[in-house]
Full PDB file with SEQRES, HELIX, SHEET, SSBOND, CRYST1, ORIGX, SCALE, CONECT and MASTER records, all heavy atoms in Angstrom:
SEQRES   1 A   35  GLN PRO ILE LEU VAL ALA ILE VAL LEU GLN LEU SER GLN          
SEQRES   2 A   35  GLN LEU SER GLY ILE ASN ALA ILE PHE TYR TYR SER THR          
SEQRES   3 A   35  ASP ILE PHE SER LYS ALA GLY VAL GLU                          
HELIX    1 AA1 PRO A    2  GLN A   14  1                                  13    
HELIX    2 AA2 ILE A   18  LYS A   31  1                                  14    
CRYST1    1.000    1.000    1.000  90.00  90.00  90.00 P 1           1          
ORIGX1      1.000000  0.000000  0.000000        0.00000                         
ORIGX2      0.000000  1.000000  0.000000        0.00000                         
ORIGX3      0.000000  0.000000  1.000000        0.00000                         
SCALE1      1.000000  0.000000  0.000000        0.00000                         
SCALE2      0.000000  1.000000  0.000000        0.00000                         
SCALE3      0.000000  0.000000  1.000000        0.00000                         
ATOM      1  N   GLN A   1     -26.874 -34.184  -1.250  1.00  0.00           N  
ATOM      2  CA  GLN A   1     -26.038 -33.682  -0.161  1.00  0.00           C  
ATOM      3  C   GLN A   1     -24.679 -33.180  -0.663  1.00  0.00           C  
ATOM      4  O   GLN A   1     -24.255 -32.076  -0.291  1.00  0.00           O  
ATOM      5  CB  GLN A   1     -25.857 -34.771   0.899  1.00  0.00           C  
ATOM      6  CG  GLN A   1     -27.109 -35.070   1.698  1.00  0.00           C  
ATOM      7  CD  GLN A   1     -27.558 -33.881   2.540  1.00  0.00           C  
ATOM      8  OE1 GLN A   1     -26.740 -33.231   3.179  1.00  0.00           O  
ATOM      9  NE2 GLN A   1     -28.841 -33.589   2.508  1.00  0.00           N  
ATOM     10  N   PRO A   2     -23.973 -33.947  -1.504  1.00  0.00           N  
ATOM     11  CA  PRO A   2     -22.692 -33.425  -2.002  1.00  0.00           C  
ATOM     12  C   PRO A   2     -22.819 -32.120  -2.775  1.00  0.00           C  
ATOM     13  O   PRO A   2     -21.966 -31.233  -2.631  1.00  0.00           O  
ATOM     14  CB  PRO A   2     -22.184 -34.557  -2.906  1.00  0.00           C  
ATOM     15  CG  PRO A   2     -22.839 -35.783  -2.390  1.00  0.00           C  
ATOM     16  CD  PRO A   2     -24.179 -35.350  -1.893  1.00  0.00           C  
ATOM     17  N   ILE A   3     -23.869 -31.974  -3.595  1.00  0.00           N  
ATOM     18  CA  ILE A   3     -23.982 -30.741  -4.383  1.00  0.00           C  
ATOM     19  C   ILE A   3     -24.356 -29.570  -3.489  1.00  0.00           C  
ATOM     20  O   ILE A   3     -23.948 -28.427  -3.730  1.00  0.00           O  
ATOM     21  CB  ILE A   3     -24.983 -30.898  -5.561  1.00  0.00           C  
ATOM     22  CG1 ILE A   3     -24.719 -29.814  -6.618  1.00  0.00           C  
ATOM     23  CG2 ILE A   3     -26.432 -30.819  -5.084  1.00  0.00           C  
ATOM     24  CD1 ILE A   3     -23.361 -29.847  -7.234  1.00  0.00           C  
ATOM     25  N   LEU A   4     -25.118 -29.833  -2.413  1.00  0.00           N  
ATOM     26  CA  LEU A   4     -25.411 -28.773  -1.446  1.00  0.00           C  
ATOM     27  C   LEU A   4     -24.111 -28.287  -0.801  1.00  0.00           C  
ATOM     28  O   LEU A   4     -23.884 -27.074  -0.670  1.00  0.00           O  
ATOM     29  CB  LEU A   4     -26.380 -29.274  -0.381  1.00  0.00           C  
ATOM     30  CG  LEU A   4     -26.666 -28.292   0.771  1.00  0.00           C  
ATOM     31  CD1 LEU A   4     -27.359 -27.046   0.250  1.00  0.00           C  
ATOM     32  CD2 LEU A   4     -27.514 -28.963   1.854  1.00  0.00           C  
ATOM     33  N   VAL A   5     -23.267 -29.226  -0.404  1.00  0.00           N  
ATOM     34  CA  VAL A   5     -21.976 -28.861   0.178  1.00  0.00           C  
ATOM     35  C   VAL A   5     -21.144 -28.067  -0.827  1.00  0.00           C  
ATOM     36  O   VAL A   5     -20.543 -27.034  -0.490  1.00  0.00           O  
ATOM     37  CB  VAL A   5     -21.213 -30.126   0.632  1.00  0.00           C  
ATOM     38  CG1 VAL A   5     -19.754 -29.799   0.966  1.00  0.00           C  
ATOM     39  CG2 VAL A   5     -21.897 -30.749   1.838  1.00  0.00           C  
ATOM     40  N   ALA A   6     -21.110 -28.528  -2.082  1.00  0.00           N  
ATOM     41  CA  ALA A   6     -20.328 -27.843  -3.121  1.00  0.00           C  
ATOM     42  C   ALA A   6     -20.801 -26.406  -3.303  1.00  0.00           C  
ATOM     43  O   ALA A   6     -19.988 -25.474  -3.394  1.00  0.00           O  
ATOM     44  CB  ALA A   6     -20.440 -28.612  -4.440  1.00  0.00           C  
ATOM     45  N   ILE A   7     -22.123 -26.201  -3.345  1.00  0.00           N  
ATOM     46  CA  ILE A   7     -22.677 -24.862  -3.557  1.00  0.00           C  
ATOM     47  C   ILE A   7     -22.374 -23.958  -2.365  1.00  0.00           C  
ATOM     48  O   ILE A   7     -21.942 -22.807  -2.534  1.00  0.00           O  
ATOM     49  CB  ILE A   7     -24.197 -24.955  -3.806  1.00  0.00           C  
ATOM     50  CG1 ILE A   7     -24.461 -25.560  -5.187  1.00  0.00           C  
ATOM     51  CG2 ILE A   7     -24.860 -23.577  -3.700  1.00  0.00           C  
ATOM     52  CD1 ILE A   7     -25.920 -25.876  -5.450  1.00  0.00           C  
ATOM     53  N   VAL A   8     -22.596 -24.461  -1.146  1.00  0.00           N  
ATOM     54  CA  VAL A   8     -22.376 -23.625   0.040  1.00  0.00           C  
ATOM     55  C   VAL A   8     -20.897 -23.273   0.190  1.00  0.00           C  
ATOM     56  O   VAL A   8     -20.552 -22.146   0.573  1.00  0.00           O  
ATOM     57  CB  VAL A   8     -22.910 -24.327   1.304  1.00  0.00           C  
ATOM     58  CG1 VAL A   8     -22.538 -23.534   2.559  1.00  0.00           C  
ATOM     59  CG2 VAL A   8     -24.425 -24.484   1.223  1.00  0.00           C  
ATOM     60  N   LEU A   9     -20.004 -24.201  -0.134  1.00  0.00           N  
ATOM     61  CA  LEU A   9     -18.578 -23.894  -0.043  1.00  0.00           C  
ATOM     62  C   LEU A   9     -18.172 -22.821  -1.053  1.00  0.00           C  
ATOM     63  O   LEU A   9     -17.333 -21.963  -0.758  1.00  0.00           O  
ATOM     64  CB  LEU A   9     -17.746 -25.154  -0.247  1.00  0.00           C  
ATOM     65  CG  LEU A   9     -17.779 -26.173   0.899  1.00  0.00           C  
ATOM     66  CD1 LEU A   9     -16.882 -27.359   0.587  1.00  0.00           C  
ATOM     67  CD2 LEU A   9     -17.359 -25.535   2.210  1.00  0.00           C  
ATOM     68  N   GLN A  10     -18.751 -22.859  -2.242  1.00  0.00           N  
ATOM     69  CA  GLN A  10     -18.479 -21.796  -3.215  1.00  0.00           C  
ATOM     70  C   GLN A  10     -19.015 -20.457  -2.723  1.00  0.00           C  
ATOM     71  O   GLN A  10     -18.366 -19.413  -2.874  1.00  0.00           O  
ATOM     72  CB  GLN A  10     -19.097 -22.141  -4.574  1.00  0.00           C  
ATOM     73  CG  GLN A  10     -18.488 -23.340  -5.266  1.00  0.00           C  
ATOM     74  CD  GLN A  10     -17.026 -23.164  -5.603  1.00  0.00           C  
ATOM     75  OE1 GLN A  10     -16.580 -22.070  -5.899  1.00  0.00           O  
ATOM     76  NE2 GLN A  10     -16.269 -24.248  -5.531  1.00  0.00           N  
ATOM     77  N   LEU A  11     -20.193 -20.477  -2.106  1.00  0.00           N  
ATOM     78  CA  LEU A  11     -20.753 -19.248  -1.536  1.00  0.00           C  
ATOM     79  C   LEU A  11     -19.866 -18.732  -0.401  1.00  0.00           C  
ATOM     80  O   LEU A  11     -19.670 -17.524  -0.254  1.00  0.00           O  
ATOM     81  CB  LEU A  11     -22.168 -19.499  -1.022  1.00  0.00           C  
ATOM     82  CG  LEU A  11     -23.246 -19.769  -2.079  1.00  0.00           C  
ATOM     83  CD1 LEU A  11     -24.571 -20.113  -1.414  1.00  0.00           C  
ATOM     84  CD2 LEU A  11     -23.423 -18.565  -3.007  1.00  0.00           C  
ATOM     85  N   SER A  12     -19.311 -19.661   0.387  1.00  0.00           N  
ATOM     86  CA  SER A  12     -18.448 -19.240   1.497  1.00  0.00           C  
ATOM     87  C   SER A  12     -17.194 -18.552   0.979  1.00  0.00           C  
ATOM     88  O   SER A  12     -16.618 -17.698   1.665  1.00  0.00           O  
ATOM     89  CB  SER A  12     -18.070 -20.446   2.367  1.00  0.00           C  
ATOM     90  OG  SER A  12     -17.106 -21.273   1.739  1.00  0.00           O  
ATOM     91  N   GLN A  13     -16.758 -18.923  -0.229  1.00  0.00           N  
ATOM     92  CA  GLN A  13     -15.590 -18.266  -0.819  1.00  0.00           C  
ATOM     93  C   GLN A  13     -15.918 -16.853  -1.260  1.00  0.00           C  
ATOM     94  O   GLN A  13     -15.214 -15.900  -0.940  1.00  0.00           O  
ATOM     95  CB  GLN A  13     -15.075 -19.076  -2.006  1.00  0.00           C  
ATOM     96  CG  GLN A  13     -13.805 -18.524  -2.623  1.00  0.00           C  
ATOM     97  CD  GLN A  13     -13.420 -19.256  -3.894  1.00  0.00           C  
ATOM     98  OE1 GLN A  13     -13.895 -18.933  -4.972  1.00  0.00           O  
ATOM     99  NE2 GLN A  13     -12.563 -20.254  -3.751  1.00  0.00           N  
ATOM    100  N   GLN A  14     -17.002 -16.686  -1.983  1.00  0.00           N  
ATOM    101  CA  GLN A  14     -17.292 -15.390  -2.591  1.00  0.00           C  
ATOM    102  C   GLN A  14     -18.040 -14.429  -1.664  1.00  0.00           C  
ATOM    103  O   GLN A  14     -17.823 -13.220  -1.709  1.00  0.00           O  
ATOM    104  CB  GLN A  14     -18.109 -15.594  -3.873  1.00  0.00           C  
ATOM    105  CG  GLN A  14     -17.342 -16.282  -4.979  1.00  0.00           C  
ATOM    106  CD  GLN A  14     -16.107 -15.508  -5.395  1.00  0.00           C  
ATOM    107  OE1 GLN A  14     -16.113 -14.285  -5.450  1.00  0.00           O  
ATOM    108  NE2 GLN A  14     -15.025 -16.221  -5.669  1.00  0.00           N  
ATOM    109  N   LEU A  15     -18.947 -14.953  -0.811  1.00  0.00           N  
ATOM    110  CA  LEU A  15     -19.703 -14.088   0.093  1.00  0.00           C  
ATOM    111  C   LEU A  15     -18.969 -13.847   1.403  1.00  0.00           C  
ATOM    112  O   LEU A  15     -19.523 -13.282   2.336  1.00  0.00           O  
ATOM    113  CB  LEU A  15     -21.086 -14.690   0.375  1.00  0.00           C  
ATOM    114  CG  LEU A  15     -21.988 -14.883  -0.849  1.00  0.00           C  
ATOM    115  CD1 LEU A  15     -23.369 -15.358  -0.423  1.00  0.00           C  
ATOM    116  CD2 LEU A  15     -22.102 -13.605  -1.677  1.00  0.00           C  
ATOM    117  N   SER A  16     -17.719 -14.286   1.467  1.00  0.00           N  
ATOM    118  CA  SER A  16     -16.904 -14.025   2.657  1.00  0.00           C  
ATOM    119  C   SER A  16     -16.530 -12.553   2.767  1.00  0.00           C  
ATOM    120  O   SER A  16     -16.169 -12.071   3.836  1.00  0.00           O  
ATOM    121  CB  SER A  16     -15.624 -14.867   2.603  1.00  0.00           C  
ATOM    122  OG  SER A  16     -14.810 -14.453   1.504  1.00  0.00           O  
ATOM    123  N   GLY A  17     -16.582 -11.835   1.638  1.00  0.00           N  
ATOM    124  CA  GLY A  17     -16.177 -10.432   1.615  1.00  0.00           C  
ATOM    125  C   GLY A  17     -14.820 -10.226   0.979  1.00  0.00           C  
ATOM    126  O   GLY A  17     -14.353  -9.093   0.859  1.00  0.00           O  
ATOM    127  N   ILE A  18     -14.191 -11.300   0.505  1.00  0.00           N  
ATOM    128  CA  ILE A  18     -12.833 -11.158  -0.029  1.00  0.00           C  
ATOM    129  C   ILE A  18     -12.806 -10.306  -1.288  1.00  0.00           C  
ATOM    130  O   ILE A  18     -11.885  -9.505  -1.494  1.00  0.00           O  
ATOM    131  CB  ILE A  18     -12.205 -12.548  -0.299  1.00  0.00           C  
ATOM    132  CG1 ILE A  18     -10.696 -12.417  -0.585  1.00  0.00           C  
ATOM    133  CG2 ILE A  18     -12.914 -13.269  -1.440  1.00  0.00           C  
ATOM    134  CD1 ILE A  18      -9.893 -11.922   0.589  1.00  0.00           C  
ATOM    135  N   ASN A  19     -13.816 -10.447  -2.145  1.00  0.00           N  
ATOM    136  CA  ASN A  19     -13.798  -9.642  -3.367  1.00  0.00           C  
ATOM    137  C   ASN A  19     -14.154  -8.191  -3.103  1.00  0.00           C  
ATOM    138  O   ASN A  19     -13.808  -7.308  -3.898  1.00  0.00           O  
ATOM    139  CB  ASN A  19     -14.723 -10.251  -4.421  1.00  0.00           C  
ATOM    140  CG  ASN A  19     -14.024 -11.304  -5.248  1.00  0.00           C  
ATOM    141  OD1 ASN A  19     -12.806 -11.447  -5.169  1.00  0.00           O  
ATOM    142  ND2 ASN A  19     -14.753 -12.050  -6.030  1.00  0.00           N  
ATOM    143  N   ALA A  20     -14.846  -7.929  -1.986  1.00  0.00           N  
ATOM    144  CA  ALA A  20     -15.020  -6.538  -1.585  1.00  0.00           C  
ATOM    145  C   ALA A  20     -13.660  -5.924  -1.294  1.00  0.00           C  
ATOM    146  O   ALA A  20     -13.401  -4.748  -1.605  1.00  0.00           O  
ATOM    147  CB  ALA A  20     -15.908  -6.464  -0.343  1.00  0.00           C  
ATOM    148  N   ILE A  21     -12.756  -6.730  -0.719  1.00  0.00           N  
ATOM    149  CA  ILE A  21     -11.393  -6.254  -0.448  1.00  0.00           C  
ATOM    150  C   ILE A  21     -10.649  -5.997  -1.752  1.00  0.00           C  
ATOM    151  O   ILE A  21     -10.039  -4.938  -1.943  1.00  0.00           O  
ATOM    152  CB  ILE A  21     -10.614  -7.284   0.395  1.00  0.00           C  
ATOM    153  CG1 ILE A  21     -11.293  -7.511   1.751  1.00  0.00           C  
ATOM    154  CG2 ILE A  21      -9.160  -6.851   0.570  1.00  0.00           C  
ATOM    155  CD1 ILE A  21     -11.266  -6.327   2.665  1.00  0.00           C  
ATOM    156  N   PHE A  22     -10.705  -6.950  -2.690  1.00  0.00           N  
ATOM    157  CA  PHE A  22      -9.904  -6.817  -3.906  1.00  0.00           C  
ATOM    158  C   PHE A  22     -10.482  -5.813  -4.900  1.00  0.00           C  
ATOM    159  O   PHE A  22      -9.742  -5.171  -5.641  1.00  0.00           O  
ATOM    160  CB  PHE A  22      -9.725  -8.189  -4.570  1.00  0.00           C  
ATOM    161  CG  PHE A  22      -8.748  -9.052  -3.851  1.00  0.00           C  
ATOM    162  CD1 PHE A  22      -9.147 -10.228  -3.251  1.00  0.00           C  
ATOM    163  CD2 PHE A  22      -7.430  -8.681  -3.731  1.00  0.00           C  
ATOM    164  CE1 PHE A  22      -8.252 -11.019  -2.565  1.00  0.00           C  
ATOM    165  CE2 PHE A  22      -6.513  -9.456  -3.042  1.00  0.00           C  
ATOM    166  CZ  PHE A  22      -6.928 -10.627  -2.456  1.00  0.00           C  
ATOM    167  N   TYR A  23     -11.808  -5.679  -4.939  1.00  0.00           N  
ATOM    168  CA  TYR A  23     -12.404  -4.717  -5.858  1.00  0.00           C  
ATOM    169  C   TYR A  23     -12.369  -3.290  -5.295  1.00  0.00           C  
ATOM    170  O   TYR A  23     -12.234  -2.325  -6.036  1.00  0.00           O  
ATOM    171  CB  TYR A  23     -13.853  -5.089  -6.154  1.00  0.00           C  
ATOM    172  CG  TYR A  23     -14.029  -6.302  -7.042  1.00  0.00           C  
ATOM    173  CD1 TYR A  23     -15.101  -7.178  -6.854  1.00  0.00           C  
ATOM    174  CD2 TYR A  23     -13.146  -6.590  -8.073  1.00  0.00           C  
ATOM    175  CE1 TYR A  23     -15.285  -8.288  -7.662  1.00  0.00           C  
ATOM    176  CE2 TYR A  23     -13.317  -7.699  -8.880  1.00  0.00           C  
ATOM    177  CZ  TYR A  23     -14.390  -8.549  -8.670  1.00  0.00           C  
ATOM    178  OH  TYR A  23     -14.559  -9.644  -9.472  1.00  0.00           O  
ATOM    179  N   TYR A  24     -12.514  -3.165  -3.980  1.00  0.00           N  
ATOM    180  CA  TYR A  24     -12.715  -1.840  -3.398  1.00  0.00           C  
ATOM    181  C   TYR A  24     -11.747  -1.526  -2.251  1.00  0.00           C  
ATOM    182  O   TYR A  24     -12.005  -0.639  -1.446  1.00  0.00           O  
ATOM    183  CB  TYR A  24     -14.155  -1.727  -2.863  1.00  0.00           C  
ATOM    184  CG  TYR A  24     -15.220  -1.908  -3.916  1.00  0.00           C  
ATOM    185  CD1 TYR A  24     -15.997  -3.056  -3.951  1.00  0.00           C  
ATOM    186  CD2 TYR A  24     -15.447  -0.928  -4.872  1.00  0.00           C  
ATOM    187  CE1 TYR A  24     -16.985  -3.219  -4.917  1.00  0.00           C  
ATOM    188  CE2 TYR A  24     -16.429  -1.076  -5.847  1.00  0.00           C  
ATOM    189  CZ  TYR A  24     -17.187  -2.236  -5.856  1.00  0.00           C  
ATOM    190  OH  TYR A  24     -18.160  -2.385  -6.815  1.00  0.00           O  
ATOM    191  N   SER A  25     -10.616  -2.244  -2.171  1.00  0.00           N  
ATOM    192  CA  SER A  25      -9.741  -2.083  -1.007  1.00  0.00           C  
ATOM    193  C   SER A  25      -9.189  -0.665  -0.882  1.00  0.00           C  
ATOM    194  O   SER A  25      -9.052  -0.148   0.235  1.00  0.00           O  
ATOM    195  CB  SER A  25      -8.591  -3.091  -1.066  1.00  0.00           C  
ATOM    196  OG  SER A  25      -7.830  -2.918  -2.241  1.00  0.00           O  
ATOM    197  N   THR A  26      -8.860  -0.033  -2.010  1.00  0.00           N  
ATOM    198  CA  THR A  26      -8.329   1.326  -1.936  1.00  0.00           C  
ATOM    199  C   THR A  26      -9.338   2.254  -1.293  1.00  0.00           C  
ATOM    200  O   THR A  26      -9.002   3.077  -0.421  1.00  0.00           O  
ATOM    201  CB  THR A  26      -7.960   1.834  -3.348  1.00  0.00           C  
ATOM    202  OG1 THR A  26      -7.007   0.939  -3.936  1.00  0.00           O  
ATOM    203  CG2 THR A  26      -7.352   3.229  -3.277  1.00  0.00           C  
ATOM    204  N   ASP A  27     -10.603   2.127  -1.676  1.00  0.00           N  
ATOM    205  CA  ASP A  27     -11.666   2.941  -1.095  1.00  0.00           C  
ATOM    206  C   ASP A  27     -11.873   2.593   0.380  1.00  0.00           C  
ATOM    207  O   ASP A  27     -12.082   3.479   1.217  1.00  0.00           O  
ATOM    208  CB  ASP A  27     -12.965   2.714  -1.878  1.00  0.00           C  
ATOM    209  CG  ASP A  27     -14.053   3.711  -1.509  1.00  0.00           C  
ATOM    210  OD1 ASP A  27     -13.749   4.911  -1.419  1.00  0.00           O  
ATOM    211  OD2 ASP A  27     -15.204   3.277  -1.290  1.00  0.00           O  
ATOM    212  N   ILE A  28     -11.819   1.301   0.707  1.00  0.00           N  
ATOM    213  CA  ILE A  28     -11.992   0.862   2.105  1.00  0.00           C  
ATOM    214  C   ILE A  28     -10.883   1.435   2.968  1.00  0.00           C  
ATOM    215  O   ILE A  28     -11.124   1.961   4.068  1.00  0.00           O  
ATOM    216  CB  ILE A  28     -12.009  -0.677   2.195  1.00  0.00           C  
ATOM    217  CG1 ILE A  28     -13.278  -1.229   1.533  1.00  0.00           C  
ATOM    218  CG2 ILE A  28     -11.948  -1.139   3.650  1.00  0.00           C  
ATOM    219  CD1 ILE A  28     -13.259  -2.743   1.361  1.00  0.00           C  
ATOM    220  N   PHE A  29      -9.630   1.352   2.506  1.00  0.00           N  
ATOM    221  CA  PHE A  29      -8.505   1.886   3.279  1.00  0.00           C  
ATOM    222  C   PHE A  29      -8.634   3.401   3.445  1.00  0.00           C  
ATOM    223  O   PHE A  29      -8.284   3.947   4.500  1.00  0.00           O  
ATOM    224  CB  PHE A  29      -7.181   1.546   2.603  1.00  0.00           C  
ATOM    225  CG  PHE A  29      -6.726   0.133   2.825  1.00  0.00           C  
ATOM    226  CD1 PHE A  29      -6.408  -0.694   1.761  1.00  0.00           C  
ATOM    227  CD2 PHE A  29      -6.602  -0.376   4.108  1.00  0.00           C  
ATOM    228  CE1 PHE A  29      -5.986  -1.995   1.955  1.00  0.00           C  
ATOM    229  CE2 PHE A  29      -6.169  -1.679   4.319  1.00  0.00           C  
ATOM    230  CZ  PHE A  29      -5.866  -2.493   3.245  1.00  0.00           C  
ATOM    231  N   SER A  30      -9.121   4.095   2.420  1.00  0.00           N  
ATOM    232  CA  SER A  30      -9.311   5.546   2.524  1.00  0.00           C  
ATOM    233  C   SER A  30     -10.312   5.879   3.623  1.00  0.00           C  
ATOM    234  O   SER A  30     -10.090   6.765   4.450  1.00  0.00           O  
ATOM    235  CB  SER A  30      -9.797   6.119   1.187  1.00  0.00           C  
ATOM    236  OG  SER A  30      -8.837   5.950   0.186  1.00  0.00           O  
ATOM    237  N   LYS A  31     -11.434   5.152   3.638  1.00  0.00           N  
ATOM    238  CA  LYS A  31     -12.464   5.391   4.656  1.00  0.00           C  
ATOM    239  C   LYS A  31     -11.971   5.013   6.049  1.00  0.00           C  
ATOM    240  O   LYS A  31     -12.469   5.536   7.053  1.00  0.00           O  
ATOM    241  CB  LYS A  31     -13.724   4.611   4.313  1.00  0.00           C  
ATOM    242  CG  LYS A  31     -14.448   5.152   3.083  1.00  0.00           C  
ATOM    243  CD  LYS A  31     -15.685   4.323   2.748  1.00  0.00           C  
ATOM    244  CE  LYS A  31     -16.403   4.901   1.524  1.00  0.00           C  
ATOM    245  NZ  LYS A  31     -17.573   4.085   1.129  1.00  0.00           N  
ATOM    246  N   ALA A  32     -11.015   4.074   6.090  1.00  0.00           N  
ATOM    247  CA  ALA A  32     -10.464   3.656   7.385  1.00  0.00           C  
ATOM    248  C   ALA A  32      -9.390   4.619   7.891  1.00  0.00           C  
ATOM    249  O   ALA A  32      -8.843   4.420   8.971  1.00  0.00           O  
ATOM    250  CB  ALA A  32      -9.884   2.249   7.276  1.00  0.00           C  
ATOM    251  N   GLY A  33      -9.091   5.659   7.110  1.00  0.00           N  
ATOM    252  CA  GLY A  33      -8.137   6.669   7.558  1.00  0.00           C  
ATOM    253  C   GLY A  33      -6.698   6.385   7.225  1.00  0.00           C  
ATOM    254  O   GLY A  33      -5.803   7.044   7.751  1.00  0.00           O  
ATOM    255  N   VAL A  34      -6.437   5.405   6.343  1.00  0.00           N  
ATOM    256  CA  VAL A  34      -5.062   5.109   5.945  1.00  0.00           C  
ATOM    257  C   VAL A  34      -4.576   6.205   5.003  1.00  0.00           C  
ATOM    258  O   VAL A  34      -5.246   6.524   4.013  1.00  0.00           O  
ATOM    259  CB  VAL A  34      -4.970   3.721   5.264  1.00  0.00           C  
ATOM    260  CG1 VAL A  34      -3.546   3.449   4.802  1.00  0.00           C  
ATOM    261  CG2 VAL A  34      -5.433   2.640   6.231  1.00  0.00           C  
ATOM    262  N   GLU A  35      -3.406   6.797   5.289  1.00  0.00           N  
ATOM    263  CA  GLU A  35      -2.936   7.949   4.526  1.00  0.00           C  
ATOM    264  C   GLU A  35      -2.569   7.591   3.089  1.00  0.00           C  
ATOM    265  O   GLU A  35      -2.808   8.373   2.167  1.00  0.00           O  
ATOM    266  CB  GLU A  35      -1.734   8.580   5.232  1.00  0.00           C  
ATOM    267  CG  GLU A  35      -2.094   9.226   6.567  1.00  0.00           C  
ATOM    268  CD  GLU A  35      -0.903   9.912   7.190  1.00  0.00           C  
ATOM    269  OE1 GLU A  35       0.172   9.943   6.552  1.00  0.00           O  
ATOM    270  OE2 GLU A  35      -1.044  10.424   8.310  1.00  0.00           O  
TER     271      GLU A  35                                                      
MASTER        0    0    0    2    0    0    0    6  270    1    0    3          
END                                                                             
């Protein structure tokens, strides 16, 4: 049970979409119409 919690919490960090923001934020903002 503890290792299941540990794994899912790590997944919640990375699969939250935060690295999509940091790796591709400039492209995302461009598509969103930010000048």
